[in-house]
Amino acid sequence: MKSPFFIAAVLLAGTLAAQDQKPEPDASAPVKDANRIVLDVTRVNMLFTVSDKKGRFVTDLTRNDLSVLENKKSQQILEFTAETDLPLRLAILIDTSNSIRDRFRFQQEAATDFIRSVVRVTRDKAIVVSFDSSAELVADLTDDTQKLENSIRDLRPGGGTALYDAVYYACRDKLMLDQPLYKFRRAMVILSDGDDNVSRYTRDQALEMAQKADVVIYTISTNITRVETDGDKVLRYLAAETGGEAFFPFKASDLAQSFENIANELRHQYNLFYRPEPLITDGKYHTVQLKVNGRKDLIVRCRKGYYAPQL
């Protein structure tokens, strides 16, 4: 008889080995070989932040303050910690399409300052992916902040906007590399107007890959018209579904504040895990709700569910 704490192997599309040798990844290329990723199906991790209605982080919660519901059924929390020290795996996705040309210099400076303040040498790693008509890996996973900063400064705008392909590639082929998933915080920062016009993957395919990789997405809109666009709605959606946040600075010079807000949030996170009861390995999306008991005045940001492996 199998133990309820078995490890299930799940086949996820994509090849990892070739990525380090290709300067320009093709996230939408046909998959020829499957790469085997091992997931612990008995463990669901929830990385989350809690704040009050004024945006101030709440940092004194305990396990007994929280309730977890999966598919509306109460779950037992097995472990709870304030996770400010987990190694970070970070993806910086920068829109280099023609639509953001006039604000590009501010983006570069704000992004380099963010990397310098967040990435801890020997513990954290980050990648930089640019996207216009296609996604391009410009700096592979590294803790070398100077290399990351230089890769951003060397970017030049031009072309279309393959946002969804960039999200899919970064999650599938890079942020999933270090296993098991629960040993690392995975976050993505997208700097874009959100107006994808050339991707082969859809918005929901990109989101599904981010959810399977346990990636929290933060988005910073480069739309400064003060008129909400379809791209803004996309950025809100990706952030909300993964437990991140969307930022809309109306001046290019305000980008730095958005990056600083993200950095602060990464330092004020909680983490918990539970084992689903009942344990269902159906490959489907399972909804999860996390709340603070008796505190309707607090705001909890976390992902809204996870994809169970299929056996």
C-alpha atoms as a PDB file:
ATOM      1  CA  MET A   1       0.000   0.000   0.000  1.00  0.00           C
ATOM      2  CA  LYS A   2       1.303   3.438  -0.882  1.00  0.00           C
ATOM      3  CA  SER A   3       1.987   5.905   1.898  1.00  0.00           C
ATOM      4  CA  PRO A   4      -0.215   9.015   1.851  1.00  0.00           C
ATOM      5  CA  PHE A   5       2.974  11.009   1.878  1.00  0.00           C
ATOM      6  CA  PHE A   6       4.258   9.719  -1.467  1.00  0.00           C
ATOM      7  CA  ILE A   7       5.931  11.936  -4.029  1.00  0.00           C
ATOM      8  CA  ALA A   8       4.213  12.006  -7.368  1.00  0.00           C
ATOM      9  CA  ALA A   9       6.067  12.623 -10.590  1.00  0.00           C
ATOM     10  CA  VAL A  10       4.264  14.965 -12.908  1.00  0.00           C
ATOM     11  CA  LEU A  11       5.119  15.516 -16.543  1.00  0.00           C
ATOM     12  CA  LEU A  12       5.271  19.184 -17.459  1.00  0.00           C
ATOM     13  CA  ALA A  13       5.926  20.376 -20.975  1.00  0.00           C
ATOM     14  CA  GLY A  14       9.287  21.923 -21.831  1.00  0.00           C
ATOM     15  CA  THR A  15      12.969  21.201 -22.033  1.00  0.00           C
ATOM     16  CA  LEU A  16      15.284  22.847 -19.506  1.00  0.00           C
ATOM     17  CA  ALA A  17      18.730  21.732 -20.517  1.00  0.00           C
ATOM     18  CA  ALA A  18      18.823  23.595 -23.800  1.00  0.00           C
ATOM     19  CA  GLN A  19      17.893  26.951 -22.345  1.00  0.00           C
ATOM     20  CA  ASP A  20      21.332  27.797 -21.002  1.00  0.00           C
ATOM     21  CA  GLN A  21      22.774  27.528 -24.512  1.00  0.00           C
ATOM     22  CA  LYS A  22      20.165  29.624 -26.336  1.00  0.00           C
ATOM     23  CA  PRO A  23      20.341  33.392 -25.891  1.00  0.00           C
ATOM     24  CA  GLU A  24      16.805  33.789 -27.247  1.00  0.00           C
ATOM     25  CA  PRO A  25      14.368  31.190 -25.911  1.00  0.00           C
ATOM     26  CA  ASP A  26      11.356  30.204 -27.952  1.00  0.00           C
ATOM     27  CA  ALA A  27       8.617  29.731 -25.373  1.00  0.00           C
ATOM     28  CA  SER A  28       6.152  28.745 -28.060  1.00  0.00           C
ATOM     29  CA  ALA A  29       8.203  26.094 -29.857  1.00  0.00           C
ATOM     30  CA  PRO A  30       6.663  22.598 -30.163  1.00  0.00           C
ATOM     31  CA  VAL A  31       7.592  20.328 -27.289  1.00  0.00           C
ATOM     32  CA  LYS A  32       9.596  17.304 -28.419  1.00  0.00           C
ATOM     33  CA  ASP A  33      10.616  15.876 -25.059  1.00  0.00           C
ATOM     34  CA  ALA A  34       8.929  16.111 -21.697  1.00  0.00           C
ATOM     35  CA  ASN A  35      10.891  17.115 -18.632  1.00  0.00           C
ATOM     36  CA  ARG A  36      10.067  15.335 -15.411  1.00  0.00           C
ATOM     37  CA  ILE A  37       9.391  17.588 -12.445  1.00  0.00           C
ATOM     38  CA  VAL A  38       8.820  16.026  -9.034  1.00  0.00           C
ATOM     39  CA  LEU A  39       6.108  17.590  -6.913  1.00  0.00           C
ATOM     40  CA  ASP A  40       5.022  16.733  -3.396  1.00  0.00           C
ATOM     41  CA  VAL A  41       1.302  16.166  -3.847  1.00  0.00           C
ATOM     42  CA  THR A  42       0.760  15.943  -0.109  1.00  0.00           C
ATOM     43  CA  ARG A  43       1.851  19.551   0.452  1.00  0.00           C
ATOM     44  CA  VAL A  44       0.175  22.758  -0.641  1.00  0.00           C
ATOM     45  CA  ASN A  45       2.093  25.911   0.130  1.00  0.00           C
ATOM     46  CA  MET A  46       0.515  29.319   0.569  1.00  0.00           C
ATOM     47  CA  LEU A  47       2.801  32.340   0.520  1.00  0.00           C
ATOM     48  CA  PHE A  48       0.816  35.414   1.540  1.00  0.00           C
ATOM     49  CA  THR A  49       0.819  38.915   2.963  1.00  0.00           C
ATOM     50  CA  VAL A  50      -1.633  40.547   5.333  1.00  0.00           C
ATOM     51  CA  SER A  51      -2.229  44.277   5.586  1.00  0.00           C
ATOM     52  CA  ASP A  52      -4.767  46.650   7.081  1.00  0.00           C
ATOM     53  CA  LYS A  53      -6.940  48.971   5.032  1.00  0.00           C
ATOM     54  CA  LYS A  54      -4.254  51.657   5.150  1.00  0.00           C
ATOM     55  CA  GLY A  55      -1.744  49.305   3.513  1.00  0.00           C
ATOM     56  CA  ARG A  56       0.331  48.677   6.642  1.00  0.00           C
ATOM     57  CA  PHE A  57       1.685  45.148   6.945  1.00  0.00           C
ATOM     58  CA  VAL A  58       0.409  42.980   9.800  1.00  0.00           C
ATOM     59  CA  THR A  59       3.353  40.964  11.100  1.00  0.00           C
ATOM     60  CA  ASP A  60       2.206  39.440  14.408  1.00  0.00           C
ATOM     61  CA  LEU A  61      -0.196  36.718  13.261  1.00  0.00           C
ATOM     62  CA  THR A  62      -0.017  33.127  14.498  1.00  0.00           C
ATOM     63  CA  ARG A  63      -1.262  29.849  13.064  1.00  0.00           C
ATOM     64  CA  ASN A  64      -4.388  30.009  15.231  1.00  0.00           C
ATOM     65  CA  ASP A  65      -5.357  33.327  13.639  1.00  0.00           C
ATOM     66  CA  LEU A  66      -5.817  31.729  10.207  1.00  0.00           C
ATOM     67  CA  SER A  67      -8.274  29.455   8.428  1.00  0.00           C
ATOM     68  CA  VAL A  68      -7.759  27.646   5.118  1.00  0.00           C
ATOM     69  CA  LEU A  69     -10.619  26.372   2.957  1.00  0.00           C
ATOM     70  CA  GLU A  70     -10.067  24.174  -0.094  1.00  0.00           C
ATOM     71  CA  ASN A  71     -13.121  23.800  -2.285  1.00  0.00           C
ATOM     72  CA  LYS A  72     -15.010  25.268   0.719  1.00  0.00           C
ATOM     73  CA  LYS A  73     -13.778  22.517   3.091  1.00  0.00           C
ATOM     74  CA  SER A  74     -11.714  23.467   6.166  1.00  0.00           C
ATOM     75  CA  GLN A  75      -8.083  22.282   6.122  1.00  0.00           C
ATOM     76  CA  GLN A  76      -5.600  21.683   8.928  1.00  0.00           C
ATOM     77  CA  ILE A  77      -2.559  23.966   8.855  1.00  0.00           C
ATOM     78  CA  LEU A  78       0.510  21.819   9.480  1.00  0.00           C
ATOM     79  CA  GLU A  79       3.201  24.489   9.409  1.00  0.00           C
ATOM     80  CA  PHE A  80       3.210  28.258   9.664  1.00  0.00           C
ATOM     81  CA  THR A  81       6.131  30.669   9.557  1.00  0.00           C
ATOM     82  CA  ALA A  82       6.915  34.296   8.868  1.00  0.00           C
ATOM     83  CA  GLU A  83       8.956  33.814   5.718  1.00  0.00           C
ATOM     84  CA  THR A  84      11.403  36.645   5.313  1.00  0.00           C
ATOM     85  CA  ASP A  85      14.427  34.413   4.916  1.00  0.00           C
ATOM     86  CA  LEU A  86      13.480  31.823   2.283  1.00  0.00           C
ATOM     87  CA  PRO A  87      15.798  31.987  -0.748  1.00  0.00           C
ATOM     88  CA  LEU A  88      14.196  34.094  -3.461  1.00  0.00           C
ATOM     89  CA  ARG A  89      13.889  33.098  -7.106  1.00  0.00           C
ATOM     90  CA  LEU A  90      12.947  36.244  -8.959  1.00  0.00           C
ATOM     91  CA  ALA A  91      12.120  36.990 -12.587  1.00  0.00           C
ATOM     92  CA  ILE A  92      12.208  40.552 -13.897  1.00  0.00           C
ATOM     93  CA  LEU A  93      10.218  40.786 -17.144  1.00  0.00           C
ATOM     94  CA  ILE A  94      10.750  44.028 -19.025  1.00  0.00           C
ATOM     95  CA  ASP A  95       8.660  45.162 -21.961  1.00  0.00           C
ATOM     96  CA  THR A  96      10.988  46.442 -24.685  1.00  0.00           C
ATOM     97  CA  SER A  97       8.291  47.004 -27.307  1.00  0.00           C
ATOM     98  CA  ASN A  98       7.915  50.292 -29.144  1.00  0.00           C
ATOM     99  CA  SER A  99       4.915  51.256 -27.021  1.00  0.00           C
ATOM    100  CA  ILE A 100       7.040  52.043 -23.943  1.00  0.00           C
ATOM    101  CA  ARG A 101       9.969  53.790 -25.682  1.00  0.00           C
ATOM    102  CA  ASP A 102       9.425  57.222 -24.110  1.00  0.00           C
ATOM    103  CA  ARG A 103       9.561  55.828 -20.550  1.00  0.00           C
ATOM    104  CA  PHE A 104      12.285  53.265 -21.012  1.00  0.00           C
ATOM    105  CA  ARG A 105      15.154  55.027 -19.239  1.00  0.00           C
ATOM    106  CA  PHE A 106      13.114  55.414 -16.050  1.00  0.00           C
ATOM    107  CA  GLN A 107      12.219  51.711 -16.190  1.00  0.00           C
ATOM    108  CA  GLN A 108      15.862  50.712 -16.432  1.00  0.00           C
ATOM    109  CA  GLU A 109      16.982  52.818 -13.486  1.00  0.00           C
ATOM    110  CA  ALA A 110      14.108  51.750 -11.237  1.00  0.00           C
ATOM    111  CA  ALA A 111      14.607  48.065 -12.074  1.00  0.00           C
ATOM    112  CA  THR A 112      18.344  48.144 -11.355  1.00  0.00           C
ATOM    113  CA  ASP A 113      17.758  49.847  -7.998  1.00  0.00           C
ATOM    114  CA  PHE A 114      15.182  47.163  -7.160  1.00  0.00           C
ATOM    115  CA  ILE A 115      17.596  44.331  -7.899  1.00  0.00           C
ATOM    116  CA  ARG A 116      20.286  45.973  -5.800  1.00  0.00           C
ATOM    117  CA  SER A 117      17.946  46.244  -2.807  1.00  0.00           C
ATOM    118  CA  VAL A 118      16.308  42.813  -3.001  1.00  0.00           C
ATOM    119  CA  VAL A 119      18.783  40.186  -4.253  1.00  0.00           C
ATOM    120  CA  ARG A 120      20.992  38.791  -1.485  1.00  0.00           C
ATOM    121  CA  VAL A 121      24.289  37.355  -2.711  1.00  0.00           C
ATOM    122  CA  THR A 122      24.677  33.569  -2.143  1.00  0.00           C
ATOM    123  CA  ARG A 123      20.989  33.190  -1.190  1.00  0.00           C
ATOM    124  CA  ASP A 124      18.812  34.689  -3.891  1.00  0.00           C
ATOM    125  CA  LYS A 125      18.884  34.379  -7.658  1.00  0.00           C
ATOM    126  CA  ALA A 126      17.192  36.383 -10.370  1.00  0.00           C
ATOM    127  CA  ILE A 127      16.750  36.361 -14.115  1.00  0.00           C
ATOM    128  CA  VAL A 128      16.032  39.164 -16.538  1.00  0.00           C
ATOM    129  CA  VAL A 129      13.775  38.468 -19.521  1.00  0.00           C
ATOM    130  CA  SER A 130      13.003  41.116 -22.105  1.00  0.00           C
ATOM    131  CA  PHE A 131      10.105  40.812 -24.493  1.00  0.00           C
ATOM    132  CA  ASP A 132       9.054  42.585 -27.632  1.00  0.00           C
ATOM    133  CA  SER A 133       8.146  40.389 -30.607  1.00  0.00           C
ATOM    134  CA  SER A 134       9.569  37.420 -28.685  1.00  0.00           C
ATOM    135  CA  ALA A 135      10.891  36.586 -25.223  1.00  0.00           C
ATOM    136  CA  GLU A 136      14.643  36.840 -24.741  1.00  0.00           C
ATOM    137  CA  LEU A 137      16.697  35.691 -21.761  1.00  0.00           C
ATOM    138  CA  VAL A 138      19.202  38.493 -21.170  1.00  0.00           C
ATOM    139  CA  ALA A 139      20.486  37.321 -17.775  1.00  0.00           C
ATOM    140  CA  ASP A 140      20.180  33.755 -16.508  1.00  0.00           C
ATOM    141  CA  LEU A 141      19.535  32.803 -12.867  1.00  0.00           C
ATOM    142  CA  THR A 142      22.330  34.392 -10.873  1.00  0.00           C
ATOM    143  CA  ASP A 143      23.081  36.205  -7.624  1.00  0.00           C
ATOM    144  CA  ASP A 144      25.504  38.537  -9.442  1.00  0.00           C
ATOM    145  CA  THR A 145      23.662  41.839  -9.097  1.00  0.00           C
ATOM    146  CA  GLN A 146      26.145  43.673 -11.306  1.00  0.00           C
ATOM    147  CA  LYS A 147      25.497  41.236 -14.136  1.00  0.00           C
ATOM    148  CA  LEU A 148      21.746  41.634 -13.679  1.00  0.00           C
ATOM    149  CA  GLU A 149      21.982  45.423 -13.636  1.00  0.00           C
ATOM    150  CA  ASN A 150      24.180  45.530 -16.736  1.00  0.00           C
ATOM    151  CA  SER A 151      21.776  43.285 -18.626  1.00  0.00           C
ATOM    152  CA  ILE A 152      18.950  45.755 -17.942  1.00  0.00           C
ATOM    153  CA  ARG A 153      20.988  48.799 -18.921  1.00  0.00           C
ATOM    154  CA  ASP A 154      21.915  47.150 -22.229  1.00  0.00           C
ATOM    155  CA  LEU A 155      18.283  46.700 -23.301  1.00  0.00           C
ATOM    156  CA  ARG A 156      16.908  48.680 -26.245  1.00  0.00           C
ATOM    157  CA  PRO A 157      13.201  49.071 -27.096  1.00  0.00           C
ATOM    158  CA  GLY A 158      11.589  47.981 -30.370  1.00  0.00           C
ATOM    159  CA  GLY A 159       9.033  45.495 -31.769  1.00  0.00           C
ATOM    160  CA  GLY A 160       5.736  43.937 -30.641  1.00  0.00           C
ATOM    161  CA  THR A 161       4.672  42.643 -27.221  1.00  0.00           C
ATOM    162  CA  ALA A 162       4.924  38.916 -26.405  1.00  0.00           C
ATOM    163  CA  LEU A 163       4.036  39.216 -22.716  1.00  0.00           C
ATOM    164  CA  TYR A 164       2.318  35.849 -22.297  1.00  0.00           C
ATOM    165  CA  ASP A 165       5.157  33.954 -23.970  1.00  0.00           C
ATOM    166  CA  ALA A 166       7.633  35.657 -21.615  1.00  0.00           C
ATOM    167  CA  VAL A 167       5.604  34.713 -18.508  1.00  0.00           C
ATOM    168  CA  TYR A 168       5.218  31.126 -19.698  1.00  0.00           C
ATOM    169  CA  TYR A 169       8.902  30.725 -20.508  1.00  0.00           C
ATOM    170  CA  ALA A 170      10.215  32.299 -17.298  1.00  0.00           C
ATOM    171  CA  CYS A 171       7.998  30.106 -15.117  1.00  0.00           C
ATOM    172  CA  ARG A 172       8.360  26.828 -16.987  1.00  0.00           C
ATOM    173  CA  ASP A 173      12.028  26.891 -17.894  1.00  0.00           C
ATOM    174  CA  LYS A 174      13.646  28.957 -15.129  1.00  0.00           C
ATOM    175  CA  LEU A 175      11.718  29.543 -11.904  1.00  0.00           C
ATOM    176  CA  MET A 176      10.784  25.848 -11.645  1.00  0.00           C
ATOM    177  CA  LEU A 177      14.417  24.745 -11.706  1.00  0.00           C
ATOM    178  CA  ASP A 178      15.105  24.658  -7.969  1.00  0.00           C
ATOM    179  CA  GLN A 179      13.089  21.950  -6.242  1.00  0.00           C
ATOM    180  CA  PRO A 180      11.198  21.275  -4.077  1.00  0.00           C
ATOM    181  CA  LEU A 181       8.968  24.265  -4.712  1.00  0.00           C
ATOM    182  CA  TYR A 182       8.254  25.004  -1.057  1.00  0.00           C
ATOM    183  CA  LYS A 183      11.929  25.622  -0.254  1.00  0.00           C
ATOM    184  CA  PHE A 184      11.956  28.870  -2.251  1.00  0.00           C
ATOM    185  CA  ARG A 185       9.915  32.025  -2.715  1.00  0.00           C
ATOM    186  CA  ARG A 186       9.152  32.527  -6.399  1.00  0.00           C
ATOM    187  CA  ALA A 187       8.172  35.980  -7.584  1.00  0.00           C
ATOM    188  CA  MET A 188       7.878  37.753 -10.894  1.00  0.00           C
ATOM    189  CA  VAL A 189       7.849  41.483 -11.587  1.00  0.00           C
ATOM    190  CA  ILE A 190       6.367  42.505 -14.939  1.00  0.00           C
ATOM    191  CA  LEU A 191       7.036  45.986 -16.253  1.00  0.00           C
ATOM    192  CA  SER A 192       4.700  46.513 -19.221  1.00  0.00           C
ATOM    193  CA  ASP A 193       1.576  48.144 -20.602  1.00  0.00           C
ATOM    194  CA  GLY A 194       0.019  44.656 -20.724  1.00  0.00           C
ATOM    195  CA  ASP A 195      -1.070  44.932 -24.363  1.00  0.00           C
ATOM    196  CA  ASP A 196       0.059  41.575 -25.746  1.00  0.00           C
ATOM    197  CA  ASN A 197      -0.261  41.357 -29.520  1.00  0.00           C
ATOM    198  CA  VAL A 198       2.048  38.573 -30.744  1.00  0.00           C
ATOM    199  CA  SER A 199       2.193  35.743 -28.172  1.00  0.00           C
ATOM    200  CA  ARG A 200       1.365  32.186 -29.171  1.00  0.00           C
ATOM    201  CA  TYR A 201       0.395  31.315 -25.621  1.00  0.00           C
ATOM    202  CA  THR A 202      -2.803  32.789 -24.227  1.00  0.00           C
ATOM    203  CA  ARG A 203      -3.227  34.811 -21.062  1.00  0.00           C
ATOM    204  CA  ASP A 204      -4.729  31.853 -19.212  1.00  0.00           C
ATOM    205  CA  GLN A 205      -2.035  29.445 -20.390  1.00  0.00           C
ATOM    206  CA  ALA A 206       0.599  31.826 -19.025  1.00  0.00           C
ATOM    207  CA  LEU A 207      -1.318  32.139 -15.756  1.00  0.00           C
ATOM    208  CA  GLU A 208      -1.684  28.373 -15.423  1.00  0.00           C
ATOM    209  CA  MET A 209       2.073  27.909 -15.782  1.00  0.00           C
ATOM    210  CA  ALA A 210       2.695  30.574 -13.135  1.00  0.00           C
ATOM    211  CA  GLN A 211       0.278  28.810 -10.776  1.00  0.00           C
ATOM    212  CA  LYS A 212       1.959  25.447 -11.338  1.00  0.00           C
ATOM    213  CA  ALA A 213       5.314  27.044 -10.556  1.00  0.00           C
ATOM    214  CA  ASP A 214       4.012  28.728  -7.348  1.00  0.00           C
ATOM    215  CA  VAL A 215       4.963  32.146  -8.718  1.00  0.00           C
ATOM    216  CA  VAL A 216       3.551  35.350  -7.222  1.00  0.00           C
ATOM    217  CA  ILE A 217       3.230  37.984  -9.937  1.00  0.00           C
ATOM    218  CA  TYR A 218       3.633  41.719  -9.351  1.00  0.00           C
ATOM    219  CA  THR A 219       2.891  44.052 -12.222  1.00  0.00           C
ATOM    220  CA  ILE A 220       3.840  47.664 -12.861  1.00  0.00           C
ATOM    221  CA  SER A 221       1.904  49.366 -15.623  1.00  0.00           C
ATOM    222  CA  THR A 222       3.710  51.704 -17.997  1.00  0.00           C
ATOM    223  CA  ASN A 223       0.391  53.238 -19.079  1.00  0.00           C
ATOM    224  CA  ILE A 224       0.441  56.858 -17.916  1.00  0.00           C
ATOM    225  CA  THR A 225      -2.709  58.053 -19.724  1.00  0.00           C
ATOM    226  CA  ARG A 226      -4.870  57.706 -16.579  1.00  0.00           C
ATOM    227  CA  VAL A 227      -7.380  55.837 -18.761  1.00  0.00           C
ATOM    228  CA  GLU A 228      -7.724  52.132 -17.969  1.00  0.00           C
ATOM    229  CA  THR A 229      -6.882  49.944 -20.947  1.00  0.00           C
ATOM    230  CA  ASP A 230      -7.357  46.250 -21.679  1.00  0.00           C
ATOM    231  CA  GLY A 231      -3.666  45.872 -20.896  1.00  0.00           C
ATOM    232  CA  ASP A 232      -4.210  47.294 -17.407  1.00  0.00           C
ATOM    233  CA  LYS A 233      -6.963  44.722 -16.854  1.00  0.00           C
ATOM    234  CA  VAL A 234      -4.566  41.938 -17.841  1.00  0.00           C
ATOM    235  CA  LEU A 235      -1.967  43.178 -15.367  1.00  0.00           C
ATOM    236  CA  ARG A 236      -4.554  43.322 -12.574  1.00  0.00           C
ATOM    237  CA  TYR A 237      -5.754  39.820 -13.386  1.00  0.00           C
ATOM    238  CA  LEU A 238      -2.319  38.174 -13.377  1.00  0.00           C
ATOM    239  CA  ALA A 239      -1.443  39.806 -10.058  1.00  0.00           C
ATOM    240  CA  ALA A 240      -4.751  39.059  -8.335  1.00  0.00           C
ATOM    241  CA  GLU A 241      -4.863  35.393  -9.352  1.00  0.00           C
ATOM    242  CA  THR A 242      -1.360  34.671  -8.027  1.00  0.00           C
ATOM    243  CA  GLY A 243      -1.514  36.694  -4.808  1.00  0.00           C
ATOM    244  CA  GLY A 244       0.557  39.636  -6.009  1.00  0.00           C
ATOM    245  CA  GLU A 245      -0.336  43.249  -6.614  1.00  0.00           C
ATOM    246  CA  ALA A 246      -0.691  45.569  -9.585  1.00  0.00           C
ATOM    247  CA  PHE A 247       0.810  49.065  -9.513  1.00  0.00           C
ATOM    248  CA  PHE A 248      -0.146  51.990 -11.731  1.00  0.00           C
ATOM    249  CA  PRO A 249       2.341  54.857 -11.416  1.00  0.00           C
ATOM    250  CA  PHE A 250       1.101  57.834 -13.422  1.00  0.00           C
ATOM    251  CA  LYS A 251       4.527  59.403 -13.805  1.00  0.00           C
ATOM    252  CA  ALA A 252       7.578  57.587 -15.096  1.00  0.00           C
ATOM    253  CA  SER A 253       9.548  58.977 -12.153  1.00  0.00           C
ATOM    254  CA  ASP A 254       7.159  57.180  -9.758  1.00  0.00           C
ATOM    255  CA  LEU A 255       8.279  53.746 -10.967  1.00  0.00           C
ATOM    256  CA  ALA A 256      10.879  53.602  -8.198  1.00  0.00           C
ATOM    257  CA  GLN A 257       8.161  53.808  -5.538  1.00  0.00           C
ATOM    258  CA  SER A 258       6.321  50.882  -7.110  1.00  0.00           C
ATOM    259  CA  PHE A 259       9.470  48.778  -7.036  1.00  0.00           C
ATOM    260  CA  GLU A 260      10.094  49.799  -3.416  1.00  0.00           C
ATOM    261  CA  ASN A 261       6.572  48.701  -2.471  1.00  0.00           C
ATOM    262  CA  ILE A 262       7.210  45.292  -3.999  1.00  0.00           C
ATOM    263  CA  ALA A 263      10.526  44.978  -2.176  1.00  0.00           C
ATOM    264  CA  ASN A 264       8.810  45.783   1.135  1.00  0.00           C
ATOM    265  CA  GLU A 265       6.141  43.175   0.503  1.00  0.00           C
ATOM    266  CA  LEU A 266       8.723  40.485  -0.225  1.00  0.00           C
ATOM    267  CA  ARG A 267      10.162  41.168   3.240  1.00  0.00           C
ATOM    268  CA  HIS A 268       6.794  40.878   5.036  1.00  0.00           C
ATOM    269  CA  GLN A 269       5.398  37.554   3.920  1.00  0.00           C
ATOM    270  CA  TYR A 270       4.007  34.554   5.742  1.00  0.00           C
ATOM    271  CA  ASN A 271       4.097  30.962   4.579  1.00  0.00           C
ATOM    272  CA  LEU A 272       1.974  27.978   5.536  1.00  0.00           C
ATOM    273  CA  PHE A 273       1.377  24.512   4.223  1.00  0.00           C
ATOM    274  CA  TYR A 274      -1.357  21.965   4.580  1.00  0.00           C
ATOM    275  CA  ARG A 275      -2.089  18.515   3.221  1.00  0.00           C
ATOM    276  CA  PRO A 276      -5.387  18.465   1.309  1.00  0.00           C
ATOM    277  CA  GLU A 277      -8.168  16.410   2.830  1.00  0.00           C
ATOM    278  CA  PRO A 278      -9.309  14.605   0.817  1.00  0.00           C
ATOM    279  CA  LEU A 279      -6.187  14.228  -1.320  1.00  0.00           C
ATOM    280  CA  ILE A 280      -7.272  14.344  -4.966  1.00  0.00           C
ATOM    281  CA  THR A 281      -4.793  13.867  -7.814  1.00  0.00           C
ATOM    282  CA  ASP A 282      -7.061  14.781 -10.726  1.00  0.00           C
ATOM    283  CA  GLY A 283      -4.908  17.363 -12.500  1.00  0.00           C
ATOM    284  CA  LYS A 284      -7.594  19.998 -11.985  1.00  0.00           C
ATOM    285  CA  TYR A 285      -7.570  23.452 -10.444  1.00  0.00           C
ATOM    286  CA  HIS A 286      -8.596  23.492  -6.774  1.00  0.00           C
ATOM    287  CA  THR A 287      -9.757  26.752  -5.201  1.00  0.00           C
ATOM    288  CA  VAL A 288      -8.277  27.848  -1.882  1.00  0.00           C
ATOM    289  CA  GLN A 289      -9.426  30.582   0.461  1.00  0.00           C
ATOM    290  CA  LEU A 290      -7.265  31.963   3.248  1.00  0.00           C
ATOM    291  CA  LYS A 291      -8.669  34.305   5.873  1.00  0.00           C
ATOM    292  CA  VAL A 292      -7.824  35.840   9.237  1.00  0.00           C
ATOM    293  CA  ASN A 293     -10.349  34.684  11.833  1.00  0.00           C
ATOM    294  CA  GLY A 294     -12.647  37.439  13.056  1.00  0.00           C
ATOM    295  CA  ARG A 295     -10.761  40.216  11.247  1.00  0.00           C
ATOM    296  CA  LYS A 296     -12.746  41.506   8.318  1.00  0.00           C
ATOM    297  CA  ASP A 297     -10.701  44.714   8.492  1.00  0.00           C
ATOM    298  CA  LEU A 298      -7.565  42.925   7.227  1.00  0.00           C
ATOM    299  CA  ILE A 299      -6.636  42.222   3.615  1.00  0.00           C
ATOM    300  CA  VAL A 300      -5.036  38.884   2.745  1.00  0.00           C
ATOM    301  CA  ARG A 301      -3.234  38.522  -0.577  1.00  0.00           C
ATOM    302  CA  CYS A 302      -2.425  34.995  -1.734  1.00  0.00           C
ATOM    303  CA  ARG A 303      -3.000  32.773  -4.719  1.00  0.00           C
ATOM    304  CA  LYS A 304      -6.569  31.624  -5.234  1.00  0.00           C
ATOM    305  CA  GLY A 305      -5.830  27.963  -5.859  1.00  0.00           C
ATOM    306  CA  TYR A 306      -3.442  25.369  -7.266  1.00  0.00           C
ATOM    307  CA  TYR A 307      -3.294  22.650  -9.898  1.00  0.00           C
ATOM    308  CA  ALA A 308      -3.281  19.162  -8.443  1.00  0.00           C
ATOM    309  CA  PRO A 309      -1.019  16.603 -10.162  1.00  0.00           C
ATOM    310  CA  GLN A 310      -2.682  13.951 -12.277  1.00  0.00           C
ATOM    311  CA  LEU A 311      -1.744  10.330 -11.635  1.00  0.00           C
END
